Amino acid sequence: MSKPVLFDFFATWCGPCRMQTPILEELAKKMGDSVEIKKVDIDQHMDLAEKYGIRVVPTLVIEKDGKVVQSMEGVTDLSTLENLLKPLVD
C-alpha cells in the first residue's frame, strides 16, 4: 500500500490559498514522511485541475493508492486534515 497523497490545488493570486499554506506546513511537520503533500498551481497545471474537476481554490484532494478518498473546497483546518489522513497511513 502506498502512502496517502494530499494535493493542494492553489493559485498565486488567491488569498485563502495563502491562508492554507501554513496549515499544510504544520501538517507536514506533524505527519512527516507518512503523507506526501503536492502543491499544484492551477494556472501552471490546468490539465491536472481539469482532471480533478477543480472549480474553486484552494481545493485539497486526498488520494490513496491512486483513488480519490476525499476532496475539500476552501481553507481546511489542521485537525480535520489530520483526522482524515491518520486512518490512511500504513
N, C-alpha and C. Protein backbone atom coordinates (compact mmCIF):
# COMPACT_ATOMS: atom_id res chain seq x y z
N MET A 1 0.85 -1.19 0.00
CA MET A 1 0.00 0.00 0.00
C MET A 1 0.88 1.24 0.00
N SER A 2 0.47 2.21 -0.76
CA SER A 2 1.23 3.45 -0.82
C SER A 2 0.75 4.43 0.25
N LYS A 3 1.58 5.45 0.47
CA LYS A 3 1.16 6.45 1.45
C LYS A 3 0.17 7.40 0.79
N PRO A 4 -0.69 8.03 1.60
CA PRO A 4 -1.65 8.97 1.02
C PRO A 4 -0.95 10.20 0.45
N VAL A 5 -1.56 10.76 -0.58
CA VAL A 5 -1.05 11.98 -1.22
C VAL A 5 -2.12 13.05 -1.06
N LEU A 6 -1.68 14.21 -0.57
CA LEU A 6 -2.58 15.35 -0.45
C LEU A 6 -2.18 16.38 -1.51
N PHE A 7 -3.10 16.63 -2.44
CA PHE A 7 -2.87 17.63 -3.47
C PHE A 7 -3.49 18.94 -3.00
N ASP A 8 -2.69 20.00 -3.02
CA ASP A 8 -3.16 21.34 -2.69
C ASP A 8 -3.27 22.12 -4.00
N PHE A 9 -4.49 22.22 -4.53
CA PHE A 9 -4.71 22.99 -5.75
C PHE A 9 -4.89 24.45 -5.34
N PHE A 10 -4.00 25.32 -5.83
CA PHE A 10 -3.98 26.71 -5.40
C PHE A 10 -3.69 27.62 -6.60
N ALA A 11 -3.77 28.92 -6.35
CA ALA A 11 -3.35 29.93 -7.33
C ALA A 11 -2.59 31.01 -6.57
N THR A 12 -1.59 31.58 -7.22
CA THR A 12 -0.76 32.59 -6.56
C THR A 12 -1.56 33.85 -6.21
N TRP A 13 -2.64 34.12 -6.95
CA TRP A 13 -3.46 35.30 -6.72
C TRP A 13 -4.56 35.09 -5.68
N CYS A 14 -4.63 33.92 -5.10
CA CYS A 14 -5.73 33.52 -4.20
C CYS A 14 -5.37 33.78 -2.73
N GLY A 15 -6.11 34.68 -2.08
CA GLY A 15 -5.88 34.99 -0.67
C GLY A 15 -6.08 33.79 0.25
N PRO A 16 -7.22 33.09 0.17
CA PRO A 16 -7.42 31.92 1.04
C PRO A 16 -6.35 30.84 0.84
N CYS A 17 -5.80 30.75 -0.38
CA CYS A 17 -4.72 29.78 -0.62
C CYS A 17 -3.51 30.10 0.24
N ARG A 18 -3.23 31.39 0.42
CA ARG A 18 -2.11 31.79 1.27
C ARG A 18 -2.39 31.45 2.73
N MET A 19 -3.66 31.41 3.12
CA MET A 19 -4.02 31.00 4.48
C MET A 19 -3.84 29.49 4.66
N GLN A 20 -4.06 28.72 3.59
CA GLN A 20 -3.95 27.26 3.66
C GLN A 20 -2.50 26.81 3.79
N THR A 21 -1.56 27.54 3.19
CA THR A 21 -0.15 27.12 3.15
C THR A 21 0.45 26.84 4.53
N PRO A 22 0.33 27.76 5.52
CA PRO A 22 0.93 27.44 6.83
C PRO A 22 0.28 26.24 7.52
N ILE A 23 -0.99 26.01 7.24
CA ILE A 23 -1.67 24.82 7.81
C ILE A 23 -1.04 23.56 7.24
N LEU A 24 -0.77 23.55 5.94
CA LEU A 24 -0.15 22.38 5.31
C LEU A 24 1.30 22.21 5.76
N GLU A 25 1.99 23.31 6.00
CA GLU A 25 3.36 23.22 6.52
C GLU A 25 3.37 22.58 7.90
N GLU A 26 2.42 22.95 8.74
CA GLU A 26 2.30 22.36 10.08
C GLU A 26 1.93 20.88 9.97
N LEU A 27 1.03 20.55 9.06
CA LEU A 27 0.64 19.16 8.82
C LEU A 27 1.86 18.33 8.42
N ALA A 28 2.69 18.88 7.53
CA ALA A 28 3.90 18.17 7.08
C ALA A 28 4.84 17.91 8.25
N LYS A 29 4.97 18.88 9.15
CA LYS A 29 5.82 18.69 10.34
C LYS A 29 5.27 17.58 11.23
N LYS A 30 3.95 17.58 11.44
CA LYS A 30 3.34 16.61 12.35
C LYS A 30 3.31 15.20 11.78
N MET A 31 3.06 15.06 10.48
CA MET A 31 2.88 13.73 9.90
C MET A 31 4.14 13.22 9.20
N GLY A 32 5.10 14.10 8.97
CA GLY A 32 6.37 13.68 8.39
C GLY A 32 6.23 13.00 7.04
N ASP A 33 7.02 11.93 6.87
CA ASP A 33 7.05 11.22 5.59
C ASP A 33 5.87 10.28 5.37
N SER A 34 4.96 10.21 6.34
CA SER A 34 3.84 9.28 6.19
C SER A 34 2.80 9.79 5.18
N VAL A 35 2.88 11.09 4.84
CA VAL A 35 1.97 11.69 3.87
C VAL A 35 2.79 12.50 2.88
N GLU A 36 2.44 12.40 1.61
CA GLU A 36 3.09 13.22 0.59
C GLU A 36 2.17 14.40 0.26
N ILE A 37 2.71 15.61 0.34
CA ILE A 37 1.93 16.81 0.04
C ILE A 37 2.47 17.41 -1.25
N LYS A 38 1.57 17.59 -2.22
CA LYS A 38 1.96 18.15 -3.51
C LYS A 38 1.16 19.41 -3.76
N LYS A 39 1.86 20.52 -3.97
CA LYS A 39 1.22 21.78 -4.31
C LYS A 39 1.08 21.86 -5.82
N VAL A 40 -0.13 22.20 -6.29
CA VAL A 40 -0.41 22.28 -7.72
C VAL A 40 -0.99 23.65 -8.03
N ASP A 41 -0.19 24.47 -8.73
CA ASP A 41 -0.65 25.79 -9.17
C ASP A 41 -1.57 25.58 -10.38
N ILE A 42 -2.84 25.92 -10.22
CA ILE A 42 -3.81 25.63 -11.29
C ILE A 42 -3.51 26.42 -12.56
N ASP A 43 -2.85 27.57 -12.43
CA ASP A 43 -2.51 28.35 -13.62
C ASP A 43 -1.37 27.71 -14.41
N GLN A 44 -0.53 26.94 -13.73
CA GLN A 44 0.59 26.26 -14.37
C GLN A 44 0.21 24.84 -14.83
N HIS A 45 -0.77 24.25 -14.16
CA HIS A 45 -1.13 22.84 -14.42
C HIS A 45 -2.63 22.71 -14.65
N MET A 46 -3.12 23.39 -15.67
CA MET A 46 -4.56 23.35 -15.98
C MET A 46 -5.04 21.94 -16.29
N ASP A 47 -4.15 21.11 -16.84
CA ASP A 47 -4.51 19.73 -17.16
C ASP A 47 -4.88 18.96 -15.89
N LEU A 48 -4.09 19.12 -14.83
CA LEU A 48 -4.40 18.43 -13.56
C LEU A 48 -5.66 19.00 -12.93
N ALA A 49 -5.80 20.32 -12.98
CA ALA A 49 -7.01 20.94 -12.41
C ALA A 49 -8.25 20.41 -13.12
N GLU A 50 -8.15 20.26 -14.43
CA GLU A 50 -9.28 19.73 -15.20
C GLU A 50 -9.53 18.26 -14.86
N LYS A 51 -8.46 17.48 -14.76
CA LYS A 51 -8.58 16.05 -14.44
C LYS A 51 -9.32 15.84 -13.12
N TYR A 52 -9.01 16.69 -12.13
CA TYR A 52 -9.62 16.55 -10.81
C TYR A 52 -10.89 17.38 -10.65
N GLY A 53 -11.30 18.08 -11.71
CA GLY A 53 -12.54 18.85 -11.66
C GLY A 53 -12.49 20.02 -10.70
N ILE A 54 -11.34 20.69 -10.63
CA ILE A 54 -11.17 21.79 -9.68
C ILE A 54 -11.91 23.02 -10.20
N ARG A 55 -12.82 23.56 -9.38
CA ARG A 55 -13.58 24.74 -9.73
C ARG A 55 -13.33 25.89 -8.77
N VAL A 56 -12.80 25.58 -7.58
CA VAL A 56 -12.58 26.55 -6.52
C VAL A 56 -11.18 26.34 -5.98
N VAL A 57 -10.48 27.44 -5.66
CA VAL A 57 -9.20 27.31 -4.96
C VAL A 57 -9.30 28.05 -3.63
N PRO A 58 -8.71 27.53 -2.56
CA PRO A 58 -7.98 26.26 -2.58
C PRO A 58 -8.93 25.07 -2.55
N THR A 59 -8.49 24.00 -3.19
CA THR A 59 -9.15 22.70 -3.07
C THR A 59 -8.08 21.69 -2.70
N LEU A 60 -8.37 20.89 -1.68
CA LEU A 60 -7.46 19.83 -1.26
C LEU A 60 -8.07 18.50 -1.67
N VAL A 61 -7.25 17.66 -2.28
CA VAL A 61 -7.69 16.32 -2.70
C VAL A 61 -6.76 15.31 -2.06
N ILE A 62 -7.35 14.33 -1.37
CA ILE A 62 -6.56 13.25 -0.76
C ILE A 62 -6.75 12.00 -1.61
N GLU A 63 -5.62 11.42 -2.01
CA GLU A 63 -5.62 10.18 -2.78
C GLU A 63 -4.89 9.10 -2.01
N LYS A 64 -5.38 7.89 -2.16
CA LYS A 64 -4.70 6.71 -1.58
C LYS A 64 -4.75 5.63 -2.64
N ASP A 65 -3.59 5.07 -2.97
CA ASP A 65 -3.50 4.02 -3.98
C ASP A 65 -4.12 4.46 -5.31
N GLY A 66 -3.92 5.73 -5.67
CA GLY A 66 -4.40 6.24 -6.95
C GLY A 66 -5.88 6.56 -7.01
N LYS A 67 -6.59 6.44 -5.88
CA LYS A 67 -8.03 6.72 -5.86
C LYS A 67 -8.30 7.93 -4.95
N VAL A 68 -9.19 8.81 -5.41
CA VAL A 68 -9.57 9.96 -4.60
C VAL A 68 -10.40 9.47 -3.41
N VAL A 69 -9.94 9.84 -2.21
CA VAL A 69 -10.62 9.46 -0.97
C VAL A 69 -11.50 10.60 -0.48
N GLN A 70 -11.00 11.83 -0.63
CA GLN A 70 -11.70 13.00 -0.10
C GLN A 70 -11.30 14.23 -0.90
N SER A 71 -12.24 15.14 -1.07
CA SER A 71 -11.97 16.41 -1.73
C SER A 71 -12.64 17.50 -0.91
N MET A 72 -11.90 18.59 -0.63
CA MET A 72 -12.43 19.66 0.20
C MET A 72 -12.16 21.01 -0.45
N GLU A 73 -13.19 21.81 -0.61
CA GLU A 73 -13.03 23.15 -1.17
C GLU A 73 -12.93 24.17 -0.04
N GLY A 74 -12.11 25.19 -0.26
CA GLY A 74 -11.92 26.22 0.75
C GLY A 74 -10.82 25.84 1.72
N VAL A 75 -10.54 26.74 2.66
CA VAL A 75 -9.48 26.50 3.64
C VAL A 75 -9.93 25.41 4.60
N THR A 76 -9.06 24.41 4.81
CA THR A 76 -9.36 23.29 5.69
C THR A 76 -8.40 23.31 6.87
N ASP A 77 -8.94 23.16 8.08
CA ASP A 77 -8.11 23.29 9.28
C ASP A 77 -7.27 22.04 9.53
N LEU A 78 -6.25 22.21 10.37
CA LEU A 78 -5.27 21.17 10.65
C LEU A 78 -5.90 19.92 11.24
N SER A 79 -6.77 20.06 12.23
CA SER A 79 -7.33 18.87 12.89
C SER A 79 -8.18 18.06 11.93
N THR A 80 -8.92 18.72 11.05
CA THR A 80 -9.71 17.99 10.05
C THR A 80 -8.80 17.18 9.14
N LEU A 81 -7.72 17.80 8.68
CA LEU A 81 -6.79 17.10 7.79
C LEU A 81 -6.14 15.91 8.50
N GLU A 82 -5.72 16.11 9.74
CA GLU A 82 -5.12 15.00 10.50
C GLU A 82 -6.10 13.86 10.67
N ASN A 83 -7.35 14.18 11.00
CA ASN A 83 -8.37 13.14 11.20
C ASN A 83 -8.66 12.36 9.93
N LEU A 84 -8.58 13.03 8.78
CA LEU A 84 -8.80 12.34 7.51
C LEU A 84 -7.61 11.49 7.09
N LEU A 85 -6.39 11.96 7.38
CA LEU A 85 -5.19 11.29 6.91
C LEU A 85 -4.71 10.15 7.81
N LYS A 86 -4.86 10.28 9.11
CA LYS A 86 -4.33 9.26 10.03
C LYS A 86 -4.81 7.85 9.72
N PRO A 87 -6.10 7.64 9.43
CA PRO A 87 -6.54 6.27 9.11
C PRO A 87 -5.96 5.73 7.81
N LEU A 88 -5.45 6.61 6.94
CA LEU A 88 -4.93 6.18 5.64
C LEU A 88 -3.44 5.83 5.69
N VAL A 89 -2.79 6.14 6.80
CA VAL A 89 -1.36 5.90 6.91
C VAL A 89 -1.14 4.43 7.30
N ASP A 90 -0.27 3.78 6.56
CA ASP A 90 0.01 2.34 6.83
C ASP A 90 0.67 2.15 8.18
